[in-house]
Amino acid sequence: MPIETHELTRAVATNFDEYVVRGGICMTLLVPLSVVTLGIIIQRFLDLRRSRVIPIGLVETARAIGNRDEFGAFRDRLIDDSCPLAQVLLGYIEAGERGEPVHPDVNREPIEDSTDRLYQSLTPLSTAYVVAPLLGVLGTTIAIMGTFRQFAIAGNRDMTALVLAIDQSLVSTMWGLFIAVPAYYCFAMLQRRIYRYERDVLPALSKEIVRKLAPYIRFREEDLLTNGAAEQRRGPFETDDSACGTS
């Protein structure tokens, strides 16, 4: 057993030297970047789970509202809740209080604001898959320049040594691609997931819940002073026929 452990340790040390240390100075950036990118990927997949974006408890609470006191408590809960569905519902409630349309087919601003924040949360991933290959190429370029300089100074014509030196120079490029490919793939998957929330899930669920909450949404006093009489008479879930595309 001690012999096997010693061999394993030696193999790890050899691979570390070959695939990390010999990659050059850019490895001091690429190795931490690979760890950070992996952490971001895991965190974003956890954040974009359906149970996080659309908590079932929040949906059930909204469906169970039966009076203004329950609505008021629910509204206060939305203020402290950071999940996308809560922010969308709060956006529609505030829109109704301002006298604006709250029908998702007419007013998509709350949904778009919430999903825009989700898209922005993917920015570190897009940065990683752009920057990592560039760092890799930079490391390879620096290493190859150093290799050619050494061969020029030494006057060495050994092609085997030259090939081995160039092989070591490509380690940083390998790391750059190793980071960029999974980062880009995961970015595309997460982006499609957010798009599905934006176009299908959130509009359908928001329409159902806001219709349930519409009788309890009231104009605020400061908005009553600025809105026209026609807007005051219109219920918060009513929509213009022109806006809905009906005649």
Protein backbone atom coordinates (compact mmCIF):
# COMPACT_ATOMS: atom_id res chain seq x y z
CA MET A 1 0.00 0.00 0.00
CA PRO A 2 2.77 2.57 0.83
CA ILE A 3 4.43 1.74 -2.50
CA GLU A 4 1.19 2.34 -4.42
CA THR A 5 0.66 5.64 -2.60
CA HIS A 6 4.19 6.72 -3.45
CA GLU A 7 3.68 5.88 -7.12
CA LEU A 8 0.40 7.76 -7.21
CA THR A 9 2.01 10.81 -5.62
CA ARG A 10 4.85 10.69 -8.12
CA ALA A 11 2.43 10.39 -11.04
CA VAL A 12 0.42 13.39 -9.81
CA ALA A 13 3.60 15.43 -9.40
CA THR A 14 4.75 14.49 -12.90
CA ASN A 15 1.42 15.42 -14.50
CA PHE A 16 1.28 18.66 -12.52
CA ASP A 17 4.71 19.61 -13.76
CA GLU A 18 3.92 18.64 -17.37
CA TYR A 19 0.43 20.13 -17.70
CA VAL A 20 0.58 23.09 -15.31
CA VAL A 21 4.07 24.30 -14.43
CA ARG A 22 5.45 24.06 -17.96
CA GLY A 23 2.48 26.01 -19.31
CA GLY A 24 4.25 29.24 -18.44
CA ILE A 25 3.32 32.42 -16.66
CA CYS A 26 -0.23 32.53 -18.05
CA MET A 27 -1.04 29.41 -16.04
CA THR A 28 -1.15 31.64 -12.96
CA LEU A 29 -4.31 33.11 -14.50
CA LEU A 30 -5.73 30.08 -16.31
CA VAL A 31 -5.77 27.70 -13.34
CA PRO A 32 -7.70 30.07 -11.03
CA LEU A 33 -9.98 30.99 -13.95
CA SER A 34 -10.85 27.31 -14.48
CA VAL A 35 -11.83 26.93 -10.80
CA VAL A 36 -13.88 30.14 -10.80
CA THR A 37 -15.63 29.18 -14.05
CA LEU A 38 -16.59 25.78 -12.67
CA GLY A 39 -18.01 27.42 -9.56
CA ILE A 40 -20.02 29.90 -11.63
CA ILE A 41 -21.45 27.11 -13.80
CA ILE A 42 -22.59 25.12 -10.77
CA GLN A 43 -24.06 28.21 -9.08
CA ARG A 44 -26.00 29.32 -12.18
CA PHE A 45 -27.49 25.87 -12.74
CA LEU A 46 -28.65 25.89 -9.10
CA ASP A 47 -30.06 29.43 -9.40
CA LEU A 48 -31.98 28.63 -12.59
CA ARG A 49 -33.68 25.51 -11.33
CA ARG A 50 -37.44 25.70 -11.70
CA SER A 51 -37.89 25.44 -7.94
CA ARG A 52 -35.74 28.58 -7.52
CA VAL A 53 -37.29 30.62 -10.31
CA ILE A 54 -40.88 29.56 -9.60
CA PRO A 55 -41.17 28.45 -5.95
CA ILE A 56 -44.23 26.24 -5.55
CA GLY A 57 -44.92 27.72 -2.12
CA LEU A 58 -45.22 31.21 -3.60
CA VAL A 59 -47.62 29.99 -6.28
CA GLU A 60 -49.81 28.17 -3.77
CA THR A 61 -49.91 31.21 -1.48
CA ALA A 62 -50.97 33.45 -4.36
CA ARG A 63 -53.72 31.06 -5.40
CA ALA A 64 -55.05 30.92 -1.83
CA ILE A 65 -55.49 34.69 -1.38
CA GLY A 66 -59.10 35.51 -0.51
CA ASN A 67 -59.16 39.00 1.02
CA ARG A 68 -57.27 42.29 1.10
CA ASP A 69 -55.42 41.46 4.32
CA GLU A 70 -53.97 38.33 2.75
CA PHE A 71 -53.13 40.31 -0.37
CA GLY A 72 -51.32 42.94 1.69
CA ALA A 73 -49.28 40.30 3.49
CA PHE A 74 -48.50 38.65 0.16
CA ARG A 75 -47.37 41.97 -1.33
CA ASP A 76 -45.05 42.58 1.61
CA ARG A 77 -43.60 39.10 1.13
CA LEU A 78 -42.86 39.82 -2.52
CA ILE A 79 -40.77 42.85 -1.57
CA ASP A 80 -38.38 40.67 0.44
CA ASP A 81 -38.38 37.76 -2.03
CA SER A 82 -35.64 37.84 -4.68
CA CYS A 83 -36.87 34.97 -6.85
CA PRO A 84 -37.80 35.96 -10.44
CA LEU A 85 -41.50 35.08 -10.10
CA ALA A 86 -41.83 37.24 -6.99
CA GLN A 87 -40.21 40.19 -8.76
CA VAL A 88 -42.48 39.74 -11.77
CA LEU A 89 -45.64 39.66 -9.63
CA LEU A 90 -44.49 42.67 -7.62
CA GLY A 91 -43.83 44.51 -10.88
CA TYR A 92 -47.38 43.84 -12.11
CA ILE A 93 -48.90 44.85 -8.76
CA GLU A 94 -46.98 48.14 -8.79
CA ALA A 95 -47.98 48.68 -12.42
CA GLY A 96 -51.63 48.20 -11.46
CA GLU A 97 -51.24 50.64 -8.59
CA ARG A 98 -49.95 53.20 -11.11
CA GLY A 99 -52.93 52.59 -13.36
CA GLU A 100 -50.92 50.78 -16.02
CA PRO A 101 -52.00 47.54 -17.75
CA VAL A 102 -51.12 44.40 -15.84
CA HIS A 103 -52.05 41.87 -18.48
CA PRO A 104 -48.84 40.02 -19.53
CA ASP A 105 -49.98 40.04 -23.17
CA VAL A 106 -50.02 43.84 -23.10
CA ASN A 107 -47.38 44.83 -20.57
CA ARG A 108 -44.30 42.59 -20.65
CA GLU A 109 -42.01 45.00 -18.84
CA PRO A 110 -41.98 43.20 -15.42
CA ILE A 111 -41.14 39.88 -17.10
CA GLU A 112 -38.45 41.42 -19.28
CA ASP A 113 -36.90 43.27 -16.32
CA SER A 114 -36.68 40.05 -14.32
CA THR A 115 -35.30 37.92 -17.15
CA ASP A 116 -32.82 40.66 -18.09
CA ARG A 117 -31.30 40.25 -14.64
CA LEU A 118 -31.08 36.51 -15.27
CA TYR A 119 -29.36 37.08 -18.60
CA GLN A 120 -26.93 39.48 -16.94
CA SER A 121 -26.04 36.82 -14.37
CA LEU A 122 -24.50 34.84 -17.26
CA THR A 123 -22.01 37.62 -18.07
CA PRO A 124 -19.14 35.99 -16.12
CA LEU A 125 -19.56 32.83 -18.19
CA SER A 126 -19.47 34.71 -21.48
CA THR A 127 -16.39 36.57 -20.27
CA ALA A 128 -14.69 33.28 -19.34
CA TYR A 129 -15.19 31.61 -22.72
CA VAL A 130 -13.89 34.71 -24.51
CA VAL A 131 -10.91 35.48 -22.27
CA ALA A 132 -9.65 31.92 -21.61
CA PRO A 133 -8.61 31.07 -25.22
CA LEU A 134 -6.93 34.46 -25.56
CA LEU A 135 -4.91 33.86 -22.41
CA GLY A 136 -4.02 30.41 -23.72
CA VAL A 137 -2.79 31.77 -27.05
CA LEU A 138 -0.86 34.50 -25.25
CA GLY A 139 0.87 31.90 -23.09
CA THR A 140 1.73 29.79 -26.14
CA THR A 141 3.06 32.81 -28.02
CA ILE A 142 5.30 33.84 -25.12
CA ALA A 143 6.59 30.26 -24.72
CA ILE A 144 7.32 29.81 -28.45
CA MET A 145 9.16 33.12 -28.59
CA GLY A 146 11.31 32.01 -25.67
CA THR A 147 11.94 28.64 -27.30
CA PHE A 148 13.10 30.16 -30.60
CA ARG A 149 15.31 32.62 -28.75
CA GLN A 150 17.00 29.81 -26.80
CA PHE A 151 17.57 27.75 -29.95
CA ALA A 152 18.97 30.77 -31.78
CA ILE A 153 21.39 31.54 -28.98
CA ALA A 154 22.50 27.92 -28.45
CA GLY A 155 22.69 27.17 -32.16
CA ASN A 156 20.96 23.84 -31.49
CA ARG A 157 19.67 22.02 -34.57
CA ASP A 158 18.04 19.11 -32.69
CA MET A 159 14.49 18.94 -34.13
CA THR A 160 13.36 16.54 -31.40
CA ALA A 161 14.16 19.08 -28.71
CA LEU A 162 12.44 21.79 -30.75
CA VAL A 163 9.27 19.72 -31.15
CA LEU A 164 9.20 18.91 -27.44
CA ALA A 165 9.60 22.60 -26.58
CA ILE A 166 6.74 23.58 -28.89
CA ASP A 167 4.64 20.78 -27.40
CA GLN A 168 5.13 22.29 -23.95
CA SER A 169 4.27 25.71 -25.33
CA LEU A 170 0.81 24.47 -26.34
CA VAL A 171 -0.16 23.56 -22.77
CA SER A 172 -1.62 27.01 -22.08
CA THR A 173 -3.70 26.86 -25.30
CA MET A 174 -5.04 23.49 -24.20
CA TRP A 175 -6.08 25.00 -20.86
CA GLY A 176 -7.75 27.94 -22.58
CA LEU A 177 -9.87 25.62 -24.72
CA PHE A 178 -10.50 23.35 -21.75
CA ILE A 179 -12.13 26.32 -20.01
CA ALA A 180 -13.82 27.91 -23.02
CA VAL A 181 -15.64 24.92 -24.52
CA PRO A 182 -17.59 23.85 -21.39
CA ALA A 183 -18.21 27.50 -20.48
CA TYR A 184 -19.73 28.23 -23.90
CA TYR A 185 -21.82 25.05 -23.87
CA CYS A 186 -23.20 25.77 -20.40
CA PHE A 187 -23.81 29.41 -21.34
CA ALA A 188 -25.93 28.32 -24.30
CA MET A 189 -27.89 25.83 -22.17
CA LEU A 190 -28.60 28.39 -19.45
CA GLN A 191 -29.53 31.02 -22.00
CA ARG A 192 -32.10 28.67 -23.56
CA ARG A 193 -33.49 27.93 -20.11
CA ILE A 194 -33.95 31.63 -19.37
CA TYR A 195 -35.57 32.15 -22.77
CA ARG A 196 -38.08 29.40 -21.99
CA TYR A 197 -38.91 31.10 -18.70
CA GLU A 198 -39.28 34.44 -20.46
CA ARG A 199 -41.49 33.27 -23.33
CA ASP A 200 -43.55 30.45 -21.86
CA VAL A 201 -43.44 29.78 -18.14
CA LEU A 202 -43.47 33.23 -16.54
CA PRO A 203 -46.12 34.79 -18.85
CA ALA A 204 -48.56 31.90 -18.38
CA LEU A 205 -48.14 31.76 -14.62
CA SER A 206 -48.17 35.54 -14.22
CA LYS A 207 -51.40 35.80 -16.19
CA GLU A 208 -53.08 33.25 -13.93
CA ILE A 209 -51.87 34.77 -10.66
CA VAL A 210 -52.37 38.44 -11.59
CA ARG A 211 -55.93 37.68 -12.68
CA LYS A 212 -56.45 36.24 -9.19
CA LEU A 213 -54.89 39.31 -7.54
CA ALA A 214 -56.50 41.94 -9.79
CA PRO A 215 -59.57 42.62 -7.57
CA TYR A 216 -57.29 43.61 -4.69
CA ILE A 217 -55.02 45.98 -6.62
CA ARG A 218 -55.94 49.62 -5.98
CA PHE A 219 -54.56 52.85 -7.39
CA ARG A 220 -52.28 54.72 -5.01
CA GLU A 221 -53.38 58.19 -3.97
CA GLU A 222 -50.43 59.94 -5.63
CA ASP A 223 -51.22 58.17 -8.90
CA LEU A 224 -54.88 59.14 -8.72
CA LEU A 225 -53.78 62.78 -8.91
CA THR A 226 -51.88 62.22 -12.16
CA ASN A 227 -53.88 59.57 -14.02
CA GLY A 228 -56.80 60.50 -16.27
CA ALA A 229 -60.41 59.63 -15.41
CA ALA A 230 -60.50 56.96 -18.10
CA GLU A 231 -57.57 55.16 -16.51
CA GLN A 232 -59.17 55.40 -13.07
CA ARG A 233 -62.34 53.73 -14.28
CA ARG A 234 -60.51 50.89 -15.98
CA GLY A 235 -59.83 47.82 -13.85
CA PRO A 236 -56.18 46.82 -13.44
CA PHE A 237 -56.54 43.59 -15.42
CA GLU A 238 -58.57 45.10 -18.25
CA THR A 239 -56.81 45.54 -21.58
CA ASP A 240 -57.34 47.65 -24.66
CA ASP A 241 -58.66 45.67 -27.60
CA SER A 242 -56.04 47.28 -29.82
CA ALA A 243 -53.26 46.24 -27.47
CA CYS A 244 -54.47 42.68 -27.38
CA GLY A 245 -54.83 42.54 -31.10
CA THR A 246 -58.62 41.91 -31.04
CA SER A 247 -61.38 43.83 -32.65
